[in-house]
Every structure is written in structure tokens, then in C-alpha cells.
Amino acid sequence: MKGRTRRATQSVIVAVVVLGSALSGCTLSAAEPDDARVAAVGRITDIDPHHGYAIVEFPTGRWFVNMDKRELGRFTVGDELRIDSFGRPLPPQPRSPRPPR
């Protein structure tokens, strides 16, 4: 009886490790930037956190871009904002570290 429970426990542990490694591989590939979705890139000129929009200067003109207030907290004035073809903001790209002085 102990042999069966020990073997079942080992099987569950192996299954969890294999599943976890498979899922971590999926998340690593999803973290890469997807430039195919980007329709336009602009620079944020003003943010209204109370109403949940940012004013963004694109090459074609200024746009009001609505977004969730929590998502709006990720951006500051002067950041680049990438939008898709429907006008939805895409997640910000990771900033490159500044070189030491």
C-alpha cells in the first residue's frame, strides 16, 4: 500500500513540474514585444487621471486615448504610447536601463 501512494505522489510531482515548465515557456514567449499589433506610436503630452484619458501627440495629430485608471498609472508625460488599429493602448515597453555616469 505504501508503494502505491508513494508512486502516486511522485507522479503528481512530476506532472506539476512538467506543467509548470511548459507554462513558464509560454509566458516567456508572450513577454516579447509584438510589433505586428502596433498601428501608431505617439508621445503622451497630458494625462487626466480623474477621467481616465491621456492626450497623445501622434504624427497625424492629437488624440484622446481612453484607458483604465490603473493602466494610466503606468505612464508619465513624455512616455511613448503604442496603440493598435482599434485605438486601444498597448502595454508599455520595458525601459532600457540608463548608462552609469
C-alpha atoms as a PDB file:
ATOM      1  CA  MET A   1       0.000   0.000   0.000  1.00  0.00           C
ATOM      2  CA  LYS A   2       2.828   2.457   0.817  1.00  0.00           C
ATOM      3  CA  GLY A   3       4.427   1.771  -2.556  1.00  0.00           C
ATOM      4  CA  ARG A   4       1.269   2.820  -4.410  1.00  0.00           C
ATOM      5  CA  THR A   5       0.808   6.098  -2.522  1.00  0.00           C
ATOM      6  CA  ARG A   6       4.484   6.965  -2.868  1.00  0.00           C
ATOM      7  CA  ARG A   7       4.369   6.241  -6.607  1.00  0.00           C
ATOM      8  CA  ALA A   8       1.161   8.301  -6.976  1.00  0.00           C
ATOM      9  CA  THR A   9       2.771  11.197  -5.087  1.00  0.00           C
ATOM     10  CA  GLN A  10       5.837  11.053  -7.328  1.00  0.00           C
ATOM     11  CA  SER A  11       3.612  11.014 -10.419  1.00  0.00           C
ATOM     12  CA  VAL A  12       1.763  14.109  -9.224  1.00  0.00           C
ATOM     13  CA  ILE A  13       5.031  15.941  -8.504  1.00  0.00           C
ATOM     14  CA  VAL A  14       6.420  15.087 -11.933  1.00  0.00           C
ATOM     15  CA  ALA A  15       3.186  16.224 -13.600  1.00  0.00           C
ATOM     16  CA  VAL A  16       3.247  19.546 -11.722  1.00  0.00           C
ATOM     17  CA  VAL A  17       6.898  20.180 -12.657  1.00  0.00           C
ATOM     18  CA  VAL A  18       6.288  19.381 -16.335  1.00  0.00           C
ATOM     19  CA  LEU A  19       3.169  21.548 -16.452  1.00  0.00           C
ATOM     20  CA  GLY A  20       4.927  24.418 -14.680  1.00  0.00           C
ATOM     21  CA  SER A  21       7.875  24.359 -17.051  1.00  0.00           C
ATOM     22  CA  ALA A  22       5.543  24.283 -20.060  1.00  0.00           C
ATOM     23  CA  LEU A  23       3.577  27.283 -18.766  1.00  0.00           C
ATOM     24  CA  SER A  24       6.722  29.260 -17.958  1.00  0.00           C
ATOM     25  CA  GLY A  25       7.884  28.745 -21.540  1.00  0.00           C
ATOM     26  CA  CYS A  26       4.591  30.184 -22.778  1.00  0.00           C
ATOM     27  CA  THR A  27       4.854  33.261 -20.571  1.00  0.00           C
ATOM     28  CA  LEU A  28       8.430  33.920 -21.628  1.00  0.00           C
ATOM     29  CA  SER A  29       7.474  33.933 -25.283  1.00  0.00           C
ATOM     30  CA  ALA A  30       4.443  36.154 -24.559  1.00  0.00           C
ATOM     31  CA  ALA A  31       6.675  38.765 -22.884  1.00  0.00           C
ATOM     32  CA  GLU A  32       8.402  39.598 -26.165  1.00  0.00           C
ATOM     33  CA  PRO A  33       7.123  42.746 -27.880  1.00  0.00           C
ATOM     34  CA  ASP A  34       4.626  42.147 -30.661  1.00  0.00           C
ATOM     35  CA  ASP A  35       5.302  44.871 -33.212  1.00  0.00           C
ATOM     36  CA  ALA A  36       2.720  43.448 -35.612  1.00  0.00           C
ATOM     37  CA  ARG A  37      -0.107  44.795 -33.426  1.00  0.00           C
ATOM     38  CA  VAL A  38       1.229  48.373 -33.311  1.00  0.00           C
ATOM     39  CA  ALA A  39      -0.723  50.744 -35.548  1.00  0.00           C
ATOM     40  CA  ALA A  40       0.754  54.044 -34.330  1.00  0.00           C
ATOM     41  CA  VAL A  41       3.266  55.349 -31.817  1.00  0.00           C
ATOM     42  CA  GLY A  42       2.865  58.723 -30.155  1.00  0.00           C
ATOM     43  CA  ARG A  43       4.166  60.741 -27.223  1.00  0.00           C
ATOM     44  CA  ILE A  44       1.987  61.494 -24.182  1.00  0.00           C
ATOM     45  CA  THR A  45       1.595  65.252 -23.714  1.00  0.00           C
ATOM     46  CA  ASP A  46      -1.010  65.342 -20.921  1.00  0.00           C
ATOM     47  CA  ILE A  47      -2.714  62.884 -18.548  1.00  0.00           C
ATOM     48  CA  ASP A  48      -6.057  63.271 -16.790  1.00  0.00           C
ATOM     49  CA  PRO A  49      -6.089  60.546 -14.124  1.00  0.00           C
ATOM     50  CA  HIS A  50      -9.514  61.520 -12.783  1.00  0.00           C
ATOM     51  CA  HIS A  51     -11.325  60.914 -16.064  1.00  0.00           C
ATOM     52  CA  GLY A  52      -9.022  58.160 -17.369  1.00  0.00           C
ATOM     53  CA  TYR A  53      -7.593  59.544 -20.572  1.00  0.00           C
ATOM     54  CA  ALA A  54      -4.298  60.739 -21.973  1.00  0.00           C
ATOM     55  CA  ILE A  55      -3.693  63.291 -24.699  1.00  0.00           C
ATOM     56  CA  VAL A  56      -1.211  61.797 -27.115  1.00  0.00           C
ATOM     57  CA  GLU A  57       0.593  63.540 -29.971  1.00  0.00           C
ATOM     58  CA  PHE A  58       0.797  61.232 -32.998  1.00  0.00           C
ATOM     59  CA  PRO A  59       2.326  62.107 -36.385  1.00  0.00           C
ATOM     60  CA  THR A  60      -1.241  62.559 -37.704  1.00  0.00           C
ATOM     61  CA  GLY A  61      -2.360  64.845 -34.857  1.00  0.00           C
ATOM     62  CA  ARG A  62      -3.529  64.791 -31.236  1.00  0.00           C
ATOM     63  CA  TRP A  63      -5.786  62.067 -29.886  1.00  0.00           C
ATOM     64  CA  PHE A  64      -7.610  61.461 -26.651  1.00  0.00           C
ATOM     65  CA  VAL A  65      -6.807  57.887 -25.647  1.00  0.00           C
ATOM     66  CA  ASN A  66      -9.119  56.408 -23.023  1.00  0.00           C
ATOM     67  CA  MET A  67      -7.784  53.743 -20.704  1.00  0.00           C
ATOM     68  CA  ASP A  68      -8.338  52.232 -17.290  1.00  0.00           C
ATOM     69  CA  LYS A  69      -7.112  54.430 -14.441  1.00  0.00           C
ATOM     70  CA  ARG A  70      -4.845  51.653 -13.146  1.00  0.00           C
ATOM     71  CA  GLU A  71      -3.344  51.253 -16.594  1.00  0.00           C
ATOM     72  CA  LEU A  72      -2.930  55.017 -16.869  1.00  0.00           C
ATOM     73  CA  GLY A  73      -0.720  54.911 -13.763  1.00  0.00           C
ATOM     74  CA  ARG A  74       1.933  53.037 -15.753  1.00  0.00           C
ATOM     75  CA  PHE A  75       2.585  56.059 -17.956  1.00  0.00           C
ATOM     76  CA  THR A  76       4.026  59.525 -17.349  1.00  0.00           C
ATOM     77  CA  VAL A  77       4.069  62.637 -19.514  1.00  0.00           C
ATOM     78  CA  GLY A  78       6.708  62.201 -22.204  1.00  0.00           C
ATOM     79  CA  ASP A  79       6.399  58.408 -22.493  1.00  0.00           C
ATOM     80  CA  GLU A  80       5.745  56.736 -25.811  1.00  0.00           C
ATOM     81  CA  LEU A  81       2.300  55.217 -26.231  1.00  0.00           C
ATOM     82  CA  ARG A  82       1.680  52.464 -28.757  1.00  0.00           C
ATOM     83  CA  ILE A  83      -1.880  51.810 -29.916  1.00  0.00           C
ATOM     84  CA  ASP A  84      -3.417  49.045 -32.005  1.00  0.00           C
ATOM     85  CA  SER A  85      -5.654  49.513 -35.040  1.00  0.00           C
ATOM     86  CA  PHE A  86      -8.736  49.955 -32.802  1.00  0.00           C
ATOM     87  CA  GLY A  87      -7.146  52.801 -30.824  1.00  0.00           C
ATOM     88  CA  ARG A  88      -6.563  50.696 -27.705  1.00  0.00           C
ATOM     89  CA  PRO A  89      -3.329  51.327 -25.832  1.00  0.00           C
ATOM     90  CA  LEU A  90      -0.786  48.514 -25.787  1.00  0.00           C
ATOM     91  CA  PRO A  91       1.279  47.761 -22.670  1.00  0.00           C
ATOM     92  CA  PRO A  92       4.353  49.947 -22.261  1.00  0.00           C
ATOM     93  CA  GLN A  93       7.639  48.511 -23.405  1.00  0.00           C
ATOM     94  CA  PRO A  94      10.271  47.927 -20.727  1.00  0.00           C
ATOM     95  CA  ARG A  95      12.590  50.865 -20.413  1.00  0.00           C
ATOM     96  CA  SER A  96      16.241  50.332 -21.119  1.00  0.00           C
ATOM     97  CA  PRO A  97      18.474  50.983 -18.131  1.00  0.00           C
ATOM     98  CA  ARG A  98      20.283  54.298 -18.130  1.00  0.00           C
ATOM     99  CA  PRO A  99      24.044  54.090 -18.539  1.00  0.00           C
ATOM    100  CA  PRO A 100      26.045  54.926 -15.411  1.00  0.00           C
ATOM    101  CA  ARG A 101      27.657  58.358 -15.274  1.00  0.00           C
END
